Amino acid sequence: MTHLTRRSTPSLFGQRGYLPPIQWTTSQAARALAHYLGSVPSPSRTAVVRNPHLSEAWAQDLVQAPTVISRVAGLIGPEAGIDQTFLVTKWPEDRTEVPMHQDGVSVDIELDPVRSVSCWLSISNAPEAAGALQFSVGSHRWGYLPHDFDDSGALAAHDDPRLTDCEFTTVPTTAGEALLFDTRLLHRSGMNSTHRPRIGLNIVYARRSAYLRGSATTREGWQPLRLP
């Protein structure tokens, strides 16, 4: 279970908690990568791959996509790094749902939301039927909430009465688009009921000084970047 050190600070993302989609690459290039990633032999298929940027050239390219890191640098400054990445694949007719959670808090870390940024890179199209991201607009203003692992092993927000009536807005994206949002913003995603894989890369960018709890040196995925 999380032990929170700070409840509320200003946001880089205004009242909503996220920015409109930006283009991180062309739709054609993103779809080509989606085709490659979706062609992994069936026995090796894994829904979530942790920190692929540490070992995969394609992921290293993605975390340094110029339009994304330019925007990140404008938000948190040029001296930043990668806290973690997750390649998330929802295979056709996959009933897996990602529970509501916040990216900047876990059992061992808490990130200052004005020195960190969450990013979702859409590698494939992500319409609502495929399990597009859903944001609880404005929930970042609540501060970080308690989190714990659910029965599936996923980290999920819990133990806050506001979660009972929490409303979510679906934000569909197309291949090649990226979403930047507050690390406190509650988000989730539903099942993929389509016949195509839904593939995306979640990235958390942070300054070394962003760790209110924990540190960059103890993070498995930490990798410094020199942003423009």
C-alpha atoms as a PDB file:
ATOM      1  CA  MET A   1       0.000   0.000   0.000  1.00  0.00           C
ATOM      2  CA  THR A   2       1.177   3.534  -0.709  1.00  0.00           C
ATOM      3  CA  HIS A   3       2.133   6.028   1.985  1.00  0.00           C
ATOM      4  CA  LEU A   4       1.630   9.532   0.619  1.00  0.00           C
ATOM      5  CA  THR A   5       3.840  12.480   1.460  1.00  0.00           C
ATOM      6  CA  ARG A   6       1.999  15.269  -0.348  1.00  0.00           C
ATOM      7  CA  ARG A   7      -1.628  15.689  -1.300  1.00  0.00           C
ATOM      8  CA  SER A   8      -1.907  18.639  -3.673  1.00  0.00           C
ATOM      9  CA  THR A   9       0.356  20.919  -5.715  1.00  0.00           C
ATOM     10  CA  PRO A  10      -0.223  23.053  -8.823  1.00  0.00           C
ATOM     11  CA  SER A  11      -0.586  21.369 -12.205  1.00  0.00           C
ATOM     12  CA  LEU A  12       1.234  21.801 -15.503  1.00  0.00           C
ATOM     13  CA  PHE A  13      -1.974  20.773 -17.275  1.00  0.00           C
ATOM     14  CA  GLY A  14      -4.626  23.198 -16.097  1.00  0.00           C
ATOM     15  CA  GLN A  15      -8.105  22.165 -15.002  1.00  0.00           C
ATOM     16  CA  ARG A  16      -8.487  19.091 -17.222  1.00  0.00           C
ATOM     17  CA  GLY A  17      -5.173  17.455 -16.385  1.00  0.00           C
ATOM     18  CA  TYR A  18      -4.152  16.559 -19.938  1.00  0.00           C
ATOM     19  CA  LEU A  19      -3.306  18.137 -23.289  1.00  0.00           C
ATOM     20  CA  PRO A  20      -4.933  17.506 -26.676  1.00  0.00           C
ATOM     21  CA  PRO A  21      -3.212  14.792 -28.751  1.00  0.00           C
ATOM     22  CA  ILE A  22       0.003  15.672 -30.556  1.00  0.00           C
ATOM     23  CA  GLN A  23       1.640  13.786 -33.416  1.00  0.00           C
ATOM     24  CA  TRP A  24       4.757  11.830 -32.405  1.00  0.00           C
ATOM     25  CA  THR A  25       5.225  10.240 -35.840  1.00  0.00           C
ATOM     26  CA  THR A  26       3.287   9.679 -39.034  1.00  0.00           C
ATOM     27  CA  SER A  27       0.343   7.285 -38.933  1.00  0.00           C
ATOM     28  CA  GLN A  28       2.078   5.185 -41.593  1.00  0.00           C
ATOM     29  CA  ALA A  29       5.252   4.781 -39.503  1.00  0.00           C
ATOM     30  CA  ALA A  30       3.261   3.973 -36.368  1.00  0.00           C
ATOM     31  CA  ARG A  31       1.157   1.378 -38.172  1.00  0.00           C
ATOM     32  CA  ALA A  32       4.337  -0.267 -39.537  1.00  0.00           C
ATOM     33  CA  LEU A  33       5.658  -0.574 -35.967  1.00  0.00           C
ATOM     34  CA  ALA A  34       2.293  -1.896 -34.784  1.00  0.00           C
ATOM     35  CA  HIS A  35       2.420  -4.532 -37.511  1.00  0.00           C
ATOM     36  CA  TYR A  36       5.918  -5.575 -36.384  1.00  0.00           C
ATOM     37  CA  LEU A  37       4.979  -5.703 -32.681  1.00  0.00           C
ATOM     38  CA  GLY A  38       1.728  -7.496 -33.447  1.00  0.00           C
ATOM     39  CA  SER A  39       3.554 -10.216 -35.360  1.00  0.00           C
ATOM     40  CA  VAL A  40       5.269 -11.674 -32.288  1.00  0.00           C
ATOM     41  CA  PRO A  41       4.802 -15.483 -32.330  1.00  0.00           C
ATOM     42  CA  SER A  42       1.814 -16.501 -30.244  1.00  0.00           C
ATOM     43  CA  PRO A  43       3.714 -18.372 -27.455  1.00  0.00           C
ATOM     44  CA  SER A  44       5.744 -15.209 -26.722  1.00  0.00           C
ATOM     45  CA  ARG A  45       2.813 -12.846 -26.537  1.00  0.00           C
ATOM     46  CA  THR A  46       2.806 -10.764 -23.381  1.00  0.00           C
ATOM     47  CA  ALA A  47       0.164  -8.137 -22.653  1.00  0.00           C
ATOM     48  CA  VAL A  48       2.539  -5.878 -20.696  1.00  0.00           C
ATOM     49  CA  VAL A  49       6.297  -5.537 -21.246  1.00  0.00           C
ATOM     50  CA  ARG A  50       8.102  -3.516 -18.607  1.00  0.00           C
ATOM     51  CA  ASN A  51      10.794  -0.981 -19.569  1.00  0.00           C
ATOM     52  CA  PRO A  52      11.363  -2.004 -23.187  1.00  0.00           C
ATOM     53  CA  HIS A  53      13.380   1.214 -23.689  1.00  0.00           C
ATOM     54  CA  LEU A  54      16.283  -0.451 -21.872  1.00  0.00           C
ATOM     55  CA  SER A  55      16.694  -3.224 -24.425  1.00  0.00           C
ATOM     56  CA  GLU A  56      14.739  -2.487 -27.601  1.00  0.00           C
ATOM     57  CA  ALA A  57      15.977  -0.039 -30.240  1.00  0.00           C
ATOM     58  CA  TRP A  58      12.456   0.801 -31.391  1.00  0.00           C
ATOM     59  CA  ALA A  59      11.471   1.774 -27.827  1.00  0.00           C
ATOM     60  CA  GLN A  60      14.602   3.892 -27.395  1.00  0.00           C
ATOM     61  CA  ASP A  61      13.592   5.783 -30.515  1.00  0.00           C
ATOM     62  CA  LEU A  62      10.063   6.291 -29.248  1.00  0.00           C
ATOM     63  CA  VAL A  63      10.992   7.738 -25.846  1.00  0.00           C
ATOM     64  CA  GLN A  64      13.121  10.308 -27.706  1.00  0.00           C
ATOM     65  CA  ALA A  65      10.527  11.232 -30.354  1.00  0.00           C
ATOM     66  CA  PRO A  66      11.407  14.904 -31.071  1.00  0.00           C
ATOM     67  CA  THR A  67       7.894  16.345 -30.850  1.00  0.00           C
ATOM     68  CA  VAL A  68       7.293  14.596 -27.533  1.00  0.00           C
ATOM     69  CA  ILE A  69      10.539  15.456 -25.774  1.00  0.00           C
ATOM     70  CA  SER A  70      10.317  19.039 -27.020  1.00  0.00           C
ATOM     71  CA  ARG A  71       6.931  19.356 -25.336  1.00  0.00           C
ATOM     72  CA  VAL A  72       8.178  17.555 -22.202  1.00  0.00           C
ATOM     73  CA  ALA A  73      11.182  19.901 -21.981  1.00  0.00           C
ATOM     74  CA  GLY A  74       8.820  22.849 -22.177  1.00  0.00           C
ATOM     75  CA  LEU A  75       6.883  21.465 -19.217  1.00  0.00           C
ATOM     76  CA  ILE A  76       9.564  20.202 -16.814  1.00  0.00           C
ATOM     77  CA  GLY A  77      12.848  21.537 -18.233  1.00  0.00           C
ATOM     78  CA  PRO A  78      15.725  20.000 -20.213  1.00  0.00           C
ATOM     79  CA  GLU A  79      17.345  17.954 -17.438  1.00  0.00           C
ATOM     80  CA  ALA A  80      15.063  14.942 -17.211  1.00  0.00           C
ATOM     81  CA  GLY A  81      14.977  11.207 -17.723  1.00  0.00           C
ATOM     82  CA  ILE A  82      12.791   8.135 -18.121  1.00  0.00           C
ATOM     83  CA  ASP A  83      11.318   6.828 -14.882  1.00  0.00           C
ATOM     84  CA  GLN A  84       9.650   3.824 -16.530  1.00  0.00           C
ATOM     85  CA  THR A  85       7.960   2.581 -19.676  1.00  0.00           C
ATOM     86  CA  PHE A  86       5.354  -0.071 -20.363  1.00  0.00           C
ATOM     87  CA  LEU A  87       4.466  -1.563 -23.716  1.00  0.00           C
ATOM     88  CA  VAL A  88       0.780  -2.420 -23.394  1.00  0.00           C
ATOM     89  CA  THR A  89      -0.838  -4.700 -25.972  1.00  0.00           C
ATOM     90  CA  LYS A  90      -4.490  -5.608 -25.893  1.00  0.00           C
ATOM     91  CA  TRP A  91      -4.870  -8.495 -28.291  1.00  0.00           C
ATOM     92  CA  PRO A  92      -8.042  -8.951 -30.373  1.00  0.00           C
ATOM     93  CA  GLU A  93     -11.045  -9.838 -28.219  1.00  0.00           C
ATOM     94  CA  ASP A  94      -8.857  -9.382 -25.123  1.00  0.00           C
ATOM     95  CA  ARG A  95     -11.084  -8.899 -22.083  1.00  0.00           C
ATOM     96  CA  THR A  96      -8.300  -7.410 -19.976  1.00  0.00           C
ATOM     97  CA  GLU A  97      -9.141  -4.079 -18.351  1.00  0.00           C
ATOM     98  CA  VAL A  98      -6.601  -1.730 -16.768  1.00  0.00           C
ATOM     99  CA  PRO A  99      -7.984  -0.424 -13.447  1.00  0.00           C
ATOM    100  CA  MET A 100      -8.040   3.254 -12.499  1.00  0.00           C
ATOM    101  CA  HIS A 101      -4.657   4.437 -11.300  1.00  0.00           C
ATOM    102  CA  GLN A 102      -2.174   7.320 -11.246  1.00  0.00           C
ATOM    103  CA  ASP A 103       1.246   7.009 -12.894  1.00  0.00           C
ATOM    104  CA  GLY A 104       3.236   9.079 -10.407  1.00  0.00           C
ATOM    105  CA  VAL A 105       2.704   6.989  -7.310  1.00  0.00           C
ATOM    106  CA  SER A 106       3.417   3.388  -6.360  1.00  0.00           C
ATOM    107  CA  VAL A 107       4.382   1.375  -3.323  1.00  0.00           C
ATOM    108  CA  ASP A 108       7.928   2.719  -3.453  1.00  0.00           C
ATOM    109  CA  ILE A 109       7.787   6.103  -5.224  1.00  0.00           C
ATOM    110  CA  GLU A 110       5.914   9.376  -5.380  1.00  0.00           C
ATOM    111  CA  LEU A 111       6.715  11.910  -8.087  1.00  0.00           C
ATOM    112  CA  ASP A 112       6.379  15.675  -7.842  1.00  0.00           C
ATOM    113  CA  PRO A 113       3.729  16.408 -10.512  1.00  0.00           C
ATOM    114  CA  VAL A 114       5.377  19.669 -11.555  1.00  0.00           C
ATOM    115  CA  ARG A 115       8.647  17.846 -12.264  1.00  0.00           C
ATOM    116  CA  SER A 116       7.200  14.789 -14.027  1.00  0.00           C
ATOM    117  CA  VAL A 117       4.963  14.044 -17.011  1.00  0.00           C
ATOM    118  CA  SER A 118       2.970  11.004 -18.117  1.00  0.00           C
ATOM    119  CA  CYS A 119       2.853  10.182 -21.813  1.00  0.00           C
ATOM    120  CA  TRP A 120       0.877   7.683 -23.891  1.00  0.00           C
ATOM    121  CA  LEU A 121       2.123   6.932 -27.402  1.00  0.00           C
ATOM    122  CA  SER A 122      -0.516   5.349 -29.616  1.00  0.00           C
ATOM    123  CA  ILE A 123       1.290   2.830 -31.835  1.00  0.00           C
ATOM    124  CA  SER A 124      -1.950   1.477 -33.271  1.00  0.00           C
ATOM    125  CA  ASN A 125      -5.342   3.098 -33.539  1.00  0.00           C
ATOM    126  CA  ALA A 126      -7.061   3.123 -30.156  1.00  0.00           C
ATOM    127  CA  PRO A 127     -10.781   3.728 -30.638  1.00  0.00           C
ATOM    128  CA  GLU A 128     -13.175   3.293 -27.735  1.00  0.00           C
ATOM    129  CA  ALA A 129     -14.023  -0.277 -28.770  1.00  0.00           C
ATOM    130  CA  ALA A 130     -10.333  -1.255 -28.645  1.00  0.00           C
ATOM    131  CA  GLY A 131      -9.773   0.024 -25.110  1.00  0.00           C
ATOM    132  CA  ALA A 132      -8.867   3.691 -25.555  1.00  0.00           C
ATOM    133  CA  LEU A 133      -7.551   5.621 -22.569  1.00  0.00           C
ATOM    134  CA  GLN A 134     -10.188   7.013 -20.259  1.00  0.00           C
ATOM    135  CA  PHE A 135      -9.408  10.038 -18.081  1.00  0.00           C
ATOM    136  CA  SER A 136     -11.207  11.206 -14.972  1.00  0.00           C
ATOM    137  CA  VAL A 137     -11.035  14.844 -15.994  1.00  0.00           C
ATOM    138  CA  GLY A 138      -9.841  17.103 -13.181  1.00  0.00           C
ATOM    139  CA  SER A 139      -9.060  14.260 -10.767  1.00  0.00           C
ATOM    140  CA  HIS A 140      -5.411  15.358 -10.601  1.00  0.00           C
ATOM    141  CA  ARG A 141      -6.599  18.185  -8.337  1.00  0.00           C
ATOM    142  CA  TRP A 142      -7.349  15.583  -5.645  1.00  0.00           C
ATOM    143  CA  GLY A 143      -3.652  14.862  -5.263  1.00  0.00           C
ATOM    144  CA  TYR A 144      -2.265  11.350  -5.090  1.00  0.00           C
ATOM    145  CA  LEU A 145      -4.600   8.665  -3.799  1.00  0.00           C
ATOM    146  CA  PRO A 146      -3.812   5.414  -1.954  1.00  0.00           C
ATOM    147  CA  HIS A 147      -2.895   2.550  -4.294  1.00  0.00           C
ATOM    148  CA  ASP A 148      -2.534  -1.163  -3.828  1.00  0.00           C
ATOM    149  CA  PHE A 149      -2.347  -4.264  -6.016  1.00  0.00           C
ATOM    150  CA  ASP A 150      -5.672  -5.767  -7.077  1.00  0.00           C
ATOM    151  CA  ASP A 151      -6.459  -9.461  -7.555  1.00  0.00           C
ATOM    152  CA  SER A 152      -4.925  -9.426 -11.047  1.00  0.00           C
ATOM    153  CA  GLY A 153      -1.653  -7.956  -9.776  1.00  0.00           C
ATOM    154  CA  ALA A 154      -2.298  -4.504 -11.271  1.00  0.00           C
ATOM    155  CA  LEU A 155      -1.738  -1.372  -9.204  1.00  0.00           C
ATOM    156  CA  ALA A 156      -5.053   0.394  -8.623  1.00  0.00           C
ATOM    157  CA  ALA A 157      -6.345   3.423  -6.738  1.00  0.00           C
ATOM    158  CA  HIS A 158      -8.560   2.562  -3.775  1.00  0.00           C
ATOM    159  CA  ASP A 159      -9.759   3.622  -0.336  1.00  0.00           C
ATOM    160  CA  ASP A 160     -11.102   7.046  -1.334  1.00  0.00           C
ATOM    161  CA  PRO A 161     -14.859   7.793  -1.343  1.00  0.00           C
ATOM    162  CA  ARG A 162     -14.564   9.927  -4.484  1.00  0.00           C
ATOM    163  CA  LEU A 163     -13.711   6.840  -6.515  1.00  0.00           C
ATOM    164  CA  THR A 164     -17.240   5.480  -6.092  1.00  0.00           C
ATOM    165  CA  ASP A 165     -18.804   8.138  -8.330  1.00  0.00           C
ATOM    166  CA  CYS A 166     -15.728   8.889 -10.423  1.00  0.00           C
ATOM    167  CA  GLU A 167     -16.665   9.703 -14.039  1.00  0.00           C
ATOM    168  CA  PHE A 168     -14.383   8.988 -16.984  1.00  0.00           C
ATOM    169  CA  THR A 169     -14.057  10.521 -20.444  1.00  0.00           C
ATOM    170  CA  THR A 170     -12.854   8.310 -23.297  1.00  0.00           C
ATOM    171  CA  VAL A 171     -10.053   9.848 -25.368  1.00  0.00           C
ATOM    172  CA  PRO A 172      -9.644   7.868 -28.618  1.00  0.00           C
ATOM    173  CA  THR A 173      -6.325   8.210 -30.442  1.00  0.00           C
ATOM    174  CA  THR A 174      -5.049   7.239 -33.857  1.00  0.00           C
ATOM    175  CA  ALA A 175      -1.725   5.604 -34.700  1.00  0.00           C
ATOM    176  CA  GLY A 176       1.059   8.182 -34.347  1.00  0.00           C
ATOM    177  CA  GLU A 177      -0.673  10.367 -31.746  1.00  0.00           C
ATOM    178  CA  ALA A 178       0.519  11.010 -28.191  1.00  0.00           C
ATOM    179  CA  LEU A 179      -1.214  12.178 -25.029  1.00  0.00           C
ATOM    180  CA  LEU A 180       0.623  14.087 -22.285  1.00  0.00           C
ATOM    181  CA  PHE A 181      -0.971  14.318 -18.857  1.00  0.00           C
ATOM    182  CA  ASP A 182      -0.492  15.019 -15.158  1.00  0.00           C
ATOM    183  CA  THR A 183       1.077  12.111 -13.263  1.00  0.00           C
ATOM    184  CA  ARG A 184      -1.790  12.415 -10.732  1.00  0.00           C
ATOM    185  CA  LEU A 185      -4.577  12.141 -13.317  1.00  0.00           C
ATOM    186  CA  LEU A 186      -6.707   9.044 -12.761  1.00  0.00           C
ATOM    187  CA  HIS A 187      -6.989   6.959 -15.897  1.00  0.00           C
ATOM    188  CA  ARG A 188      -7.959   3.464 -16.988  1.00  0.00           C
ATOM    189  CA  SER A 189      -8.761   1.500 -20.135  1.00  0.00           C
ATOM    190  CA  GLY A 190     -11.328  -1.119 -21.080  1.00  0.00           C
ATOM    191  CA  MET A 191     -11.228  -4.358 -23.020  1.00  0.00           C
ATOM    192  CA  ASN A 192     -10.426  -4.666 -26.713  1.00  0.00           C
ATOM    193  CA  SER A 193     -13.537  -5.931 -28.468  1.00  0.00           C
ATOM    194  CA  THR A 194     -12.131  -5.401 -31.980  1.00  0.00           C
ATOM    195  CA  HIS A 195     -10.310  -7.819 -34.286  1.00  0.00           C
ATOM    196  CA  ARG A 196      -7.037  -5.855 -34.245  1.00  0.00           C
ATOM    197  CA  PRO A 197      -4.379  -5.456 -31.535  1.00  0.00           C
ATOM    198  CA  ARG A 198      -4.431  -2.199 -29.583  1.00  0.00           C
ATOM    199  CA  ILE A 199      -0.787  -1.280 -28.904  1.00  0.00           C
ATOM    200  CA  GLY A 200       0.656   1.663 -27.001  1.00  0.00           C
ATOM    201  CA  LEU A 201       3.693   2.741 -25.007  1.00  0.00           C
ATOM    202  CA  ASN A 202       3.268   4.391 -21.625  1.00  0.00           C
ATOM    203  CA  ILE A 203       6.196   6.621 -20.605  1.00  0.00           C
ATOM    204  CA  VAL A 204       6.800   8.537 -17.394  1.00  0.00           C
ATOM    205  CA  TYR A 205       9.332  11.357 -17.748  1.00  0.00           C
ATOM    206  CA  ALA A 206      10.799  12.855 -14.570  1.00  0.00           C
ATOM    207  CA  ARG A 207      13.575  15.083 -13.312  1.00  0.00           C
ATOM    208  CA  ARG A 208      16.023  13.496 -10.864  1.00  0.00           C
ATOM    209  CA  SER A 209      14.693  15.933  -8.266  1.00  0.00           C
ATOM    210  CA  ALA A 210      11.078  14.805  -8.828  1.00  0.00           C
ATOM    211  CA  TYR A 211      11.173  11.953  -6.308  1.00  0.00           C
ATOM    212  CA  LEU A 212       9.290  12.934  -3.154  1.00  0.00           C
ATOM    213  CA  ARG A 213       9.650   9.304  -2.119  1.00  0.00           C
ATOM    214  CA  GLY A 214      12.183   6.907  -3.593  1.00  0.00           C
ATOM    215  CA  SER A 215      14.932   8.014  -5.981  1.00  0.00           C
ATOM    216  CA  ALA A 216      16.018   7.742  -9.598  1.00  0.00           C
ATOM    217  CA  THR A 217      18.951   5.523  -8.652  1.00  0.00           C
ATOM    218  CA  THR A 218      16.649   2.816  -7.281  1.00  0.00           C
ATOM    219  CA  ARG A 219      14.343   2.760 -10.311  1.00  0.00           C
ATOM    220  CA  GLU A 220      14.814  -0.207 -12.630  1.00  0.00           C
ATOM    221  CA  GLY A 221      13.841   1.809 -15.696  1.00  0.00           C
ATOM    222  CA  TRP A 222      15.677   5.043 -14.956  1.00  0.00           C
ATOM    223  CA  GLN A 223      17.556   6.466 -17.928  1.00  0.00           C
ATOM    224  CA  PRO A 224      18.745  10.085 -18.121  1.00  0.00           C
ATOM    225  CA  LEU A 225      17.920  12.142 -21.190  1.00  0.00           C
ATOM    226  CA  ARG A 226      19.176  15.459 -22.442  1.00  0.00           C
ATOM    227  CA  LEU A 227      16.049  17.198 -23.608  1.00  0.00           C
ATOM    228  CA  PRO A 228      16.248  20.100 -26.107  1.00  0.00           C
END
